[in-house]
mmCIF file of all heavy atoms, coordinates in Angstrom:
data_MODEL
# 
_entry.id   MODEL 
# 
loop_
_atom_site.group_PDB 
_atom_site.id 
_atom_site.type_symbol 
_atom_site.label_atom_id 
_atom_site.label_alt_id 
_atom_site.label_comp_id 
_atom_site.label_asym_id 
_atom_site.label_entity_id 
_atom_site.label_seq_id 
_atom_site.pdbx_PDB_ins_code 
_atom_site.Cartn_x 
_atom_site.Cartn_y 
_atom_site.Cartn_z 
_atom_site.occupancy 
_atom_site.B_iso_or_equiv 
_atom_site.pdbx_formal_charge 
_atom_site.auth_seq_id 
_atom_site.auth_comp_id 
_atom_site.auth_asym_id 
_atom_site.auth_atom_id 
_atom_site.pdbx_PDB_model_num 
ATOM 1   N N   . ILE A 1 1  ? 38.143 13.347 32.598 1.00 0.00 ? 1  ILE A N   1 
ATOM 2   C CA  . ILE A 1 1  ? 39.195 12.898 31.498 1.00 0.00 ? 1  ILE A CA  1 
ATOM 3   C C   . ILE A 1 1  ? 39.239 14.026 30.424 1.00 0.00 ? 1  ILE A C   1 
ATOM 4   O O   . ILE A 1 1  ? 38.155 14.554 30.066 1.00 0.00 ? 1  ILE A O   1 
ATOM 5   C CB  . ILE A 1 1  ? 38.746 11.610 30.855 1.00 0.00 ? 1  ILE A CB  1 
ATOM 6   C CG1 . ILE A 1 1  ? 38.866 10.450 31.784 1.00 0.00 ? 1  ILE A CG1 1 
ATOM 7   C CG2 . ILE A 1 1  ? 39.449 11.344 29.532 1.00 0.00 ? 1  ILE A CG2 1 
ATOM 8   C CD1 . ILE A 1 1  ? 38.341 9.150  31.280 1.00 0.00 ? 1  ILE A CD1 1 
ATOM 9   N N   . PHE A 1 2  ? 40.490 14.410 30.054 1.00 0.00 ? 2  PHE A N   1 
ATOM 10  C CA  . PHE A 1 2  ? 40.548 15.479 29.034 1.00 0.00 ? 2  PHE A CA  1 
ATOM 11  C C   . PHE A 1 2  ? 40.893 14.777 27.675 1.00 0.00 ? 2  PHE A C   1 
ATOM 12  O O   . PHE A 1 2  ? 41.878 14.007 27.594 1.00 0.00 ? 2  PHE A O   1 
ATOM 13  C CB  . PHE A 1 2  ? 41.670 16.386 29.455 1.00 0.00 ? 2  PHE A CB  1 
ATOM 14  C CG  . PHE A 1 2  ? 41.246 17.282 30.613 1.00 0.00 ? 2  PHE A CG  1 
ATOM 15  C CD1 . PHE A 1 2  ? 41.341 16.822 31.876 1.00 0.00 ? 2  PHE A CD1 1 
ATOM 16  C CD2 . PHE A 1 2  ? 40.605 18.570 30.302 1.00 0.00 ? 2  PHE A CD2 1 
ATOM 17  C CE1 . PHE A 1 2  ? 40.950 17.659 32.932 1.00 0.00 ? 2  PHE A CE1 1 
ATOM 18  C CE2 . PHE A 1 2  ? 40.132 19.262 31.409 1.00 0.00 ? 2  PHE A CE2 1 
ATOM 19  C CZ  . PHE A 1 2  ? 40.350 18.806 32.751 1.00 0.00 ? 2  PHE A CZ  1 
ATOM 20  N N   . LEU A 1 3  ? 40.175 15.084 26.676 1.00 0.00 ? 3  LEU A N   1 
ATOM 21  C CA  . LEU A 1 3  ? 40.179 14.380 25.406 1.00 0.00 ? 3  LEU A CA  1 
ATOM 22  C C   . LEU A 1 3  ? 40.872 15.342 24.381 1.00 0.00 ? 3  LEU A C   1 
ATOM 23  O O   . LEU A 1 3  ? 40.279 16.480 24.141 1.00 0.00 ? 3  LEU A O   1 
ATOM 24  C CB  . LEU A 1 3  ? 38.808 13.947 24.888 1.00 0.00 ? 3  LEU A CB  1 
ATOM 25  C CG  . LEU A 1 3  ? 38.690 13.274 23.571 1.00 0.00 ? 3  LEU A CG  1 
ATOM 26  C CD1 . LEU A 1 3  ? 39.448 11.910 23.521 1.00 0.00 ? 3  LEU A CD1 1 
ATOM 27  C CD2 . LEU A 1 3  ? 37.203 13.024 23.240 1.00 0.00 ? 3  LEU A CD2 1 
ATOM 28  N N   . PHE A 1 4  ? 41.913 15.008 23.693 1.00 0.00 ? 4  PHE A N   1 
ATOM 29  C CA  . PHE A 1 4  ? 42.645 15.857 22.836 1.00 0.00 ? 4  PHE A CA  1 
ATOM 30  C C   . PHE A 1 4  ? 42.633 15.215 21.334 1.00 0.00 ? 4  PHE A C   1 
ATOM 31  O O   . PHE A 1 4  ? 42.491 13.983 21.262 1.00 0.00 ? 4  PHE A O   1 
ATOM 32  C CB  . PHE A 1 4  ? 44.121 15.968 23.251 1.00 0.00 ? 4  PHE A CB  1 
ATOM 33  C CG  . PHE A 1 4  ? 44.309 16.715 24.524 1.00 0.00 ? 4  PHE A CG  1 
ATOM 34  C CD1 . PHE A 1 4  ? 44.295 16.077 25.736 1.00 0.00 ? 4  PHE A CD1 1 
ATOM 35  C CD2 . PHE A 1 4  ? 44.505 18.045 24.516 1.00 0.00 ? 4  PHE A CD2 1 
ATOM 36  C CE1 . PHE A 1 4  ? 44.439 16.757 26.929 1.00 0.00 ? 4  PHE A CE1 1 
ATOM 37  C CE2 . PHE A 1 4  ? 44.642 18.818 25.760 1.00 0.00 ? 4  PHE A CE2 1 
ATOM 38  C CZ  . PHE A 1 4  ? 44.604 18.118 26.921 1.00 0.00 ? 4  PHE A CZ  1 
ATOM 39  N N   . PRO A 1 5  ? 42.808 16.077 20.390 1.00 0.00 ? 5  PRO A N   1 
ATOM 40  C CA  . PRO A 1 5  ? 42.942 15.570 18.977 1.00 0.00 ? 5  PRO A CA  1 
ATOM 41  C C   . PRO A 1 5  ? 44.241 14.707 18.865 1.00 0.00 ? 5  PRO A C   1 
ATOM 42  O O   . PRO A 1 5  ? 45.289 15.121 19.407 1.00 0.00 ? 5  PRO A O   1 
ATOM 43  C CB  . PRO A 1 5  ? 42.981 16.805 18.068 1.00 0.00 ? 5  PRO A CB  1 
ATOM 44  C CG  . PRO A 1 5  ? 42.471 17.935 18.979 1.00 0.00 ? 5  PRO A CG  1 
ATOM 45  C CD  . PRO A 1 5  ? 42.824 17.537 20.312 1.00 0.00 ? 5  PRO A CD  1 
ATOM 46  N N   . SER A 1 6  ? 44.150 13.615 18.153 1.00 0.00 ? 6  SER A N   1 
ATOM 47  C CA  . SER A 1 6  ? 45.324 12.841 18.024 1.00 0.00 ? 6  SER A CA  1 
ATOM 48  C C   . SER A 1 6  ? 46.242 13.396 16.820 1.00 0.00 ? 6  SER A C   1 
ATOM 49  O O   . SER A 1 6  ? 45.736 14.114 15.913 1.00 0.00 ? 6  SER A O   1 
ATOM 50  C CB  . SER A 1 6  ? 44.998 11.382 17.631 1.00 0.00 ? 6  SER A CB  1 
ATOM 51  O OG  . SER A 1 6  ? 44.279 11.307 16.411 1.00 0.00 ? 6  SER A OG  1 
ATOM 52  N N   . ASP A 1 7  ? 47.478 13.043 16.880 1.00 0.00 ? 7  ASP A N   1 
ATOM 53  C CA  . ASP A 1 7  ? 48.451 13.432 15.743 1.00 0.00 ? 7  ASP A CA  1 
ATOM 54  C C   . ASP A 1 7  ? 48.012 12.604 14.546 1.00 0.00 ? 7  ASP A C   1 
ATOM 55  O O   . ASP A 1 7  ? 47.640 11.434 14.539 1.00 0.00 ? 7  ASP A O   1 
ATOM 56  C CB  . ASP A 1 7  ? 49.822 13.039 16.164 1.00 0.00 ? 7  ASP A CB  1 
ATOM 57  C CG  . ASP A 1 7  ? 50.819 13.395 15.188 1.00 0.00 ? 7  ASP A CG  1 
ATOM 58  O OD1 . ASP A 1 7  ? 51.295 14.557 15.261 1.00 0.00 ? 7  ASP A OD1 1 
ATOM 59  O OD2 . ASP A 1 7  ? 51.176 12.486 14.315 1.00 0.00 ? 7  ASP A OD2 1 
ATOM 60  N N   . TYR A 1 8  ? 48.052 13.288 13.375 1.00 0.00 ? 8  TYR A N   1 
ATOM 61  C CA  . TYR A 1 8  ? 47.576 12.755 12.091 1.00 0.00 ? 8  TYR A CA  1 
ATOM 62  C C   . TYR A 1 8  ? 48.359 11.499 11.737 1.00 0.00 ? 8  TYR A C   1 
ATOM 63  O O   . TYR A 1 8  ? 47.799 10.477 11.356 1.00 0.00 ? 8  TYR A O   1 
ATOM 64  C CB  . TYR A 1 8  ? 47.705 13.733 10.991 1.00 0.00 ? 8  TYR A CB  1 
ATOM 65  C CG  . TYR A 1 8  ? 47.154 13.284 9.697  1.00 0.00 ? 8  TYR A CG  1 
ATOM 66  C CD1 . TYR A 1 8  ? 45.811 13.245 9.372  1.00 0.00 ? 8  TYR A CD1 1 
ATOM 67  C CD2 . TYR A 1 8  ? 48.103 12.760 8.712  1.00 0.00 ? 8  TYR A CD2 1 
ATOM 68  C CE1 . TYR A 1 8  ? 45.333 12.870 8.198  1.00 0.00 ? 8  TYR A CE1 1 
ATOM 69  C CE2 . TYR A 1 8  ? 47.525 12.284 7.407  1.00 0.00 ? 8  TYR A CE2 1 
ATOM 70  C CZ  . TYR A 1 8  ? 46.236 12.327 7.258  1.00 0.00 ? 8  TYR A CZ  1 
ATOM 71  O OH  . TYR A 1 8  ? 45.780 11.876 6.017  1.00 0.00 ? 8  TYR A OH  1 
ATOM 72  N N   . PHE A 1 9  ? 49.636 11.500 12.049 1.00 0.00 ? 9  PHE A N   1 
ATOM 73  C CA  . PHE A 1 9  ? 50.537 10.395 11.647 1.00 0.00 ? 9  PHE A CA  1 
ATOM 74  C C   . PHE A 1 9  ? 50.698 9.373  12.838 1.00 0.00 ? 9  PHE A C   1 
ATOM 75  O O   . PHE A 1 9  ? 51.187 8.287  12.618 1.00 0.00 ? 9  PHE A O   1 
ATOM 76  C CB  . PHE A 1 9  ? 51.903 10.899 11.287 1.00 0.00 ? 9  PHE A CB  1 
ATOM 77  C CG  . PHE A 1 9  ? 51.832 11.885 10.031 1.00 0.00 ? 9  PHE A CG  1 
ATOM 78  C CD1 . PHE A 1 9  ? 52.022 13.138 10.220 1.00 0.00 ? 9  PHE A CD1 1 
ATOM 79  C CD2 . PHE A 1 9  ? 51.603 11.296 8.799  1.00 0.00 ? 9  PHE A CD2 1 
ATOM 80  C CE1 . PHE A 1 9  ? 51.953 14.039 9.146  1.00 0.00 ? 9  PHE A CE1 1 
ATOM 81  C CE2 . PHE A 1 9  ? 51.565 12.123 7.687  1.00 0.00 ? 9  PHE A CE2 1 
ATOM 82  C CZ  . PHE A 1 9  ? 51.754 13.453 7.843  1.00 0.00 ? 9  PHE A CZ  1 
ATOM 83  N N   . ASN A 1 10 ? 50.256 9.700  14.007 1.00 0.00 ? 10 ASN A N   1 
ATOM 84  C CA  . ASN A 1 10 ? 50.368 8.847  15.135 1.00 0.00 ? 10 ASN A CA  1 
ATOM 85  C C   . ASN A 1 10 ? 49.044 8.885  15.941 1.00 0.00 ? 10 ASN A C   1 
ATOM 86  O O   . ASN A 1 10 ? 49.003 9.694  16.962 1.00 0.00 ? 10 ASN A O   1 
ATOM 87  C CB  . ASN A 1 10 ? 51.583 9.158  15.937 1.00 0.00 ? 10 ASN A CB  1 
ATOM 88  C CG  . ASN A 1 10 ? 51.828 8.110  17.048 1.00 0.00 ? 10 ASN A CG  1 
ATOM 89  O OD1 . ASN A 1 10 ? 51.030 7.225  17.292 1.00 0.00 ? 10 ASN A OD1 1 
ATOM 90  N ND2 . ASN A 1 10 ? 52.952 8.257  17.824 1.00 0.00 ? 10 ASN A ND2 1 
ATOM 91  N N   . PRO A 1 11 ? 48.096 8.120  15.641 1.00 0.00 ? 11 PRO A N   1 
ATOM 92  C CA  . PRO A 1 11 ? 46.787 8.185  16.232 1.00 0.00 ? 11 PRO A CA  1 
ATOM 93  C C   . PRO A 1 11 ? 46.677 7.837  17.702 1.00 0.00 ? 11 PRO A C   1 
ATOM 94  O O   . PRO A 1 11 ? 45.771 8.123  18.383 1.00 0.00 ? 11 PRO A O   1 
ATOM 95  C CB  . PRO A 1 11 ? 45.876 7.187  15.446 1.00 0.00 ? 11 PRO A CB  1 
ATOM 96  C CG  . PRO A 1 11 ? 46.936 6.255  14.851 1.00 0.00 ? 11 PRO A CG  1 
ATOM 97  C CD  . PRO A 1 11 ? 48.153 7.085  14.611 1.00 0.00 ? 11 PRO A CD  1 
ATOM 98  N N   . LYS A 1 12 ? 47.791 7.401  18.256 1.00 0.00 ? 12 LYS A N   1 
ATOM 99  C CA  . LYS A 1 12 ? 47.835 7.103  19.730 1.00 0.00 ? 12 LYS A CA  1 
ATOM 100 C C   . LYS A 1 12 ? 48.513 8.182  20.573 1.00 0.00 ? 12 LYS A C   1 
ATOM 101 O O   . LYS A 1 12 ? 48.552 8.152  21.720 1.00 0.00 ? 12 LYS A O   1 
ATOM 102 C CB  . LYS A 1 12 ? 48.664 5.831  19.993 1.00 0.00 ? 12 LYS A CB  1 
ATOM 103 C CG  . LYS A 1 12 ? 47.891 4.550  19.416 1.00 0.00 ? 12 LYS A CG  1 
ATOM 104 C CD  . LYS A 1 12 ? 48.565 3.253  19.774 1.00 0.00 ? 12 LYS A CD  1 
ATOM 105 C CE  . LYS A 1 12 ? 47.924 2.032  19.234 1.00 0.00 ? 12 LYS A CE  1 
ATOM 106 N NZ  . LYS A 1 12 ? 48.605 0.810  19.607 1.00 0.00 ? 12 LYS A NZ  1 
ATOM 107 N N   . LYS A 1 13 ? 48.877 9.289  19.844 1.00 0.00 ? 13 LYS A N   1 
ATOM 108 C CA  . LYS A 1 13 ? 49.538 10.420 20.492 1.00 0.00 ? 13 LYS A CA  1 
ATOM 109 C C   . LYS A 1 13 ? 48.826 11.645 20.215 1.00 0.00 ? 13 LYS A C   1 
ATOM 110 O O   . LYS A 1 13 ? 48.194 11.853 19.132 1.00 0.00 ? 13 LYS A O   1 
ATOM 111 C CB  . LYS A 1 13 ? 51.018 10.536 19.943 1.00 0.00 ? 13 LYS A CB  1 
ATOM 112 C CG  . LYS A 1 13 ? 51.782 11.679 20.608 1.00 0.00 ? 13 LYS A CG  1 
ATOM 113 C CD  . LYS A 1 13 ? 53.226 11.661 19.876 1.00 0.00 ? 13 LYS A CD  1 
ATOM 114 C CE  . LYS A 1 13 ? 54.025 12.779 20.488 1.00 0.00 ? 13 LYS A CE  1 
ATOM 115 N NZ  . LYS A 1 13 ? 55.402 12.787 19.843 1.00 0.00 ? 13 LYS A NZ  1 
ATOM 116 N N   . ALA A 1 14 ? 48.840 12.667 21.154 1.00 0.00 ? 14 ALA A N   1 
ATOM 117 C CA  . ALA A 1 14 ? 48.088 13.923 20.971 1.00 0.00 ? 14 ALA A CA  1 
ATOM 118 C C   . ALA A 1 14 ? 48.737 14.778 19.929 1.00 0.00 ? 14 ALA A C   1 
ATOM 119 O O   . ALA A 1 14 ? 50.000 14.645 19.658 1.00 0.00 ? 14 ALA A O   1 
ATOM 120 C CB  . ALA A 1 14 ? 48.026 14.665 22.333 1.00 0.00 ? 14 ALA A CB  1 
ATOM 121 N N   . ASP A 1 15 ? 47.978 15.537 19.278 1.00 0.00 ? 15 ASP A N   1 
ATOM 122 C CA  . ASP A 1 15 ? 48.545 16.613 18.248 1.00 0.00 ? 15 ASP A CA  1 
ATOM 123 C C   . ASP A 1 15 ? 49.659 17.498 19.024 1.00 0.00 ? 15 ASP A C   1 
ATOM 124 O O   . ASP A 1 15 ? 49.401 17.754 20.117 1.00 0.00 ? 15 ASP A O   1 
ATOM 125 C CB  . ASP A 1 15 ? 47.422 17.510 17.767 1.00 0.00 ? 15 ASP A CB  1 
ATOM 126 C CG  . ASP A 1 15 ? 47.935 18.367 16.667 1.00 0.00 ? 15 ASP A CG  1 
ATOM 127 O OD1 . ASP A 1 15 ? 48.557 19.323 16.913 1.00 0.00 ? 15 ASP A OD1 1 
ATOM 128 O OD2 . ASP A 1 15 ? 47.579 18.020 15.463 1.00 0.00 ? 15 ASP A OD2 1 
ATOM 129 N N   . THR A 1 16 ? 50.701 17.773 18.244 1.00 0.00 ? 16 THR A N   1 
ATOM 130 C CA  . THR A 1 16 ? 51.819 18.481 18.876 1.00 0.00 ? 16 THR A CA  1 
ATOM 131 C C   . THR A 1 16 ? 51.476 19.789 19.528 1.00 0.00 ? 16 THR A C   1 
ATOM 132 O O   . THR A 1 16 ? 52.025 20.284 20.492 1.00 0.00 ? 16 THR A O   1 
ATOM 133 C CB  . THR A 1 16 ? 52.880 18.715 17.861 1.00 0.00 ? 16 THR A CB  1 
ATOM 134 O OG1 . THR A 1 16 ? 52.296 19.395 16.738 1.00 0.00 ? 16 THR A OG1 1 
ATOM 135 C CG2 . THR A 1 16 ? 53.533 17.383 17.494 1.00 0.00 ? 16 THR A CG2 1 
ATOM 136 N N   . ALA A 1 17 ? 50.321 20.400 18.934 1.00 0.00 ? 17 ALA A N   1 
ATOM 137 C CA  . ALA A 1 17 ? 49.835 21.713 19.424 1.00 0.00 ? 17 ALA A CA  1 
ATOM 138 C C   . ALA A 1 17 ? 49.389 21.605 20.869 1.00 0.00 ? 17 ALA A C   1 
ATOM 139 O O   . ALA A 1 17 ? 49.294 22.623 21.595 1.00 0.00 ? 17 ALA A O   1 
ATOM 140 C CB  . ALA A 1 17 ? 48.685 22.290 18.606 1.00 0.00 ? 17 ALA A CB  1 
ATOM 141 N N   . TYR A 1 18 ? 48.958 20.401 21.303 1.00 0.00 ? 18 TYR A N   1 
ATOM 142 C CA  . TYR A 1 18 ? 48.481 20.248 22.739 1.00 0.00 ? 18 TYR A CA  1 
ATOM 143 C C   . TYR A 1 18 ? 49.298 19.465 23.708 1.00 0.00 ? 18 TYR A C   1 
ATOM 144 O O   . TYR A 1 18 ? 48.923 19.135 24.737 1.00 0.00 ? 18 TYR A O   1 
ATOM 145 C CB  . TYR A 1 18 ? 47.039 19.594 22.548 1.00 0.00 ? 18 TYR A CB  1 
ATOM 146 C CG  . TYR A 1 18 ? 46.059 20.346 21.807 1.00 0.00 ? 18 TYR A CG  1 
ATOM 147 C CD1 . TYR A 1 18 ? 45.839 20.256 20.406 1.00 0.00 ? 18 TYR A CD1 1 
ATOM 148 C CD2 . TYR A 1 18 ? 45.348 21.397 22.469 1.00 0.00 ? 18 TYR A CD2 1 
ATOM 149 C CE1 . TYR A 1 18 ? 44.910 21.020 19.811 1.00 0.00 ? 18 TYR A CE1 1 
ATOM 150 C CE2 . TYR A 1 18 ? 44.454 22.168 21.834 1.00 0.00 ? 18 TYR A CE2 1 
ATOM 151 C CZ  . TYR A 1 18 ? 44.267 22.028 20.504 1.00 0.00 ? 18 TYR A CZ  1 
ATOM 152 O OH  . TYR A 1 18 ? 43.347 22.863 19.750 1.00 0.00 ? 18 TYR A OH  1 
ATOM 153 N N   . LEU A 1 19 ? 50.509 19.112 23.309 1.00 0.00 ? 19 LEU A N   1 
ATOM 154 C CA  . LEU A 1 19 ? 51.329 18.340 24.088 1.00 0.00 ? 19 LEU A CA  1 
ATOM 155 C C   . LEU A 1 19 ? 51.740 18.879 25.467 1.00 0.00 ? 19 LEU A C   1 
ATOM 156 O O   . LEU A 1 19 ? 51.768 18.292 26.417 1.00 0.00 ? 19 LEU A O   1 
ATOM 157 C CB  . LEU A 1 19 ? 52.714 17.973 23.345 1.00 0.00 ? 19 LEU A CB  1 
ATOM 158 C CG  . LEU A 1 19 ? 52.575 17.013 22.213 1.00 0.00 ? 19 LEU A CG  1 
ATOM 159 C CD1 . LEU A 1 19 ? 53.923 16.754 21.535 1.00 0.00 ? 19 LEU A CD1 1 
ATOM 160 C CD2 . LEU A 1 19 ? 51.985 15.615 22.638 1.00 0.00 ? 19 LEU A CD2 1 
ATOM 161 N N   . GLU A 1 20 ? 51.836 20.255 25.460 1.00 0.00 ? 20 GLU A N   1 
ATOM 162 C CA  . GLU A 1 20 ? 52.128 20.935 26.753 1.00 0.00 ? 20 GLU A CA  1 
ATOM 163 C C   . GLU A 1 20 ? 50.948 20.812 27.682 1.00 0.00 ? 20 GLU A C   1 
ATOM 164 O O   . GLU A 1 20 ? 51.055 20.471 28.880 1.00 0.00 ? 20 GLU A O   1 
ATOM 165 C CB  . GLU A 1 20 ? 52.491 22.351 26.533 1.00 0.00 ? 20 GLU A CB  1 
ATOM 166 C CG  . GLU A 1 20 ? 52.944 23.005 27.844 1.00 0.00 ? 20 GLU A CG  1 
ATOM 167 C CD  . GLU A 1 20 ? 53.379 24.395 27.654 1.00 0.00 ? 20 GLU A CD  1 
ATOM 168 O OE1 . GLU A 1 20 ? 53.146 25.030 26.451 1.00 0.00 ? 20 GLU A OE1 1 
ATOM 169 O OE2 . GLU A 1 20 ? 53.980 25.060 28.489 1.00 0.00 ? 20 GLU A OE2 1 
ATOM 170 N N   . GLN A 1 21 ? 49.772 20.969 27.158 1.00 0.00 ? 21 GLN A N   1 
ATOM 171 C CA  . GLN A 1 21 ? 48.545 20.852 27.997 1.00 0.00 ? 21 GLN A CA  1 
ATOM 172 C C   . GLN A 1 21 ? 48.425 19.471 28.459 1.00 0.00 ? 21 GLN A C   1 
ATOM 173 O O   . GLN A 1 21 ? 48.010 19.216 29.653 1.00 0.00 ? 21 GLN A O   1 
ATOM 174 C CB  . GLN A 1 21 ? 47.255 21.270 27.255 1.00 0.00 ? 21 GLN A CB  1 
ATOM 175 C CG  . GLN A 1 21 ? 47.198 22.759 26.953 1.00 0.00 ? 21 GLN A CG  1 
ATOM 176 C CD  . GLN A 1 21 ? 45.885 23.144 26.324 1.00 0.00 ? 21 GLN A CD  1 
ATOM 177 O OE1 . GLN A 1 21 ? 44.858 22.781 26.736 1.00 0.00 ? 21 GLN A OE1 1 
ATOM 178 N NE2 . GLN A 1 21 ? 45.948 24.044 25.313 1.00 0.00 ? 21 GLN A NE2 1 
ATOM 179 N N   . VAL A 1 22 ? 48.629 18.438 27.635 1.00 0.00 ? 22 VAL A N   1 
ATOM 180 C CA  . VAL A 1 22 ? 48.513 17.038 27.976 1.00 0.00 ? 22 VAL A CA  1 
ATOM 181 C C   . VAL A 1 22 ? 49.447 16.679 29.197 1.00 0.00 ? 22 VAL A C   1 
ATOM 182 O O   . VAL A 1 22 ? 49.110 16.153 30.134 1.00 0.00 ? 22 VAL A O   1 
ATOM 183 C CB  . VAL A 1 22 ? 48.905 16.121 26.733 1.00 0.00 ? 22 VAL A CB  1 
ATOM 184 C CG1 . VAL A 1 22 ? 49.086 14.637 27.266 1.00 0.00 ? 22 VAL A CG1 1 
ATOM 185 C CG2 . VAL A 1 22 ? 47.785 16.270 25.740 1.00 0.00 ? 22 VAL A CG2 1 
ATOM 186 N N   . ALA A 1 23 ? 50.655 17.171 29.043 1.00 0.00 ? 23 ALA A N   1 
ATOM 187 C CA  . ALA A 1 23 ? 51.698 16.936 30.094 1.00 0.00 ? 23 ALA A CA  1 
ATOM 188 C C   . ALA A 1 23 ? 51.282 17.573 31.409 1.00 0.00 ? 23 ALA A C   1 
ATOM 189 O O   . ALA A 1 23 ? 51.424 16.919 32.489 1.00 0.00 ? 23 ALA A O   1 
ATOM 190 C CB  . ALA A 1 23 ? 53.069 17.444 29.780 1.00 0.00 ? 23 ALA A CB  1 
ATOM 191 N N   . CYS A 1 24 ? 50.772 18.795 31.300 1.00 0.00 ? 24 CYS A N   1 
ATOM 192 C CA  . CYS A 1 24 ? 50.360 19.453 32.662 1.00 0.00 ? 24 CYS A CA  1 
ATOM 193 C C   . CYS A 1 24 ? 49.198 18.775 33.218 1.00 0.00 ? 24 CYS A C   1 
ATOM 194 O O   . CYS A 1 24 ? 49.125 18.637 34.420 1.00 0.00 ? 24 CYS A O   1 
ATOM 195 C CB  . CYS A 1 24 ? 49.973 20.908 32.316 1.00 0.00 ? 24 CYS A CB  1 
ATOM 196 S SG  . CYS A 1 24 ? 51.411 21.913 32.004 1.00 0.00 ? 24 CYS A SG  1 
ATOM 197 N N   . MET A 1 25 ? 48.208 18.328 32.420 1.00 0.00 ? 25 MET A N   1 
ATOM 198 C CA  . MET A 1 25 ? 47.126 17.595 32.987 1.00 0.00 ? 25 MET A CA  1 
ATOM 199 C C   . MET A 1 25 ? 47.470 16.293 33.554 1.00 0.00 ? 25 MET A C   1 
ATOM 200 O O   . MET A 1 25 ? 47.019 15.995 34.674 1.00 0.00 ? 25 MET A O   1 
ATOM 201 C CB  . MET A 1 25 ? 46.033 17.333 31.799 1.00 0.00 ? 25 MET A CB  1 
ATOM 202 C CG  . MET A 1 25 ? 45.383 18.583 31.320 1.00 0.00 ? 25 MET A CG  1 
ATOM 203 S SD  . MET A 1 25 ? 44.230 19.313 32.598 1.00 0.00 ? 25 MET A SD  1 
ATOM 204 C CE  . MET A 1 25 ? 43.584 20.665 31.711 1.00 0.00 ? 25 MET A CE  1 
# 
């Protein structure tokens, strides 16, 4: 499982800086 920092305003979504990595994973 890959664990990413959440978005400050949306704690259920990954920080925008990591969205591409999230999608690829």
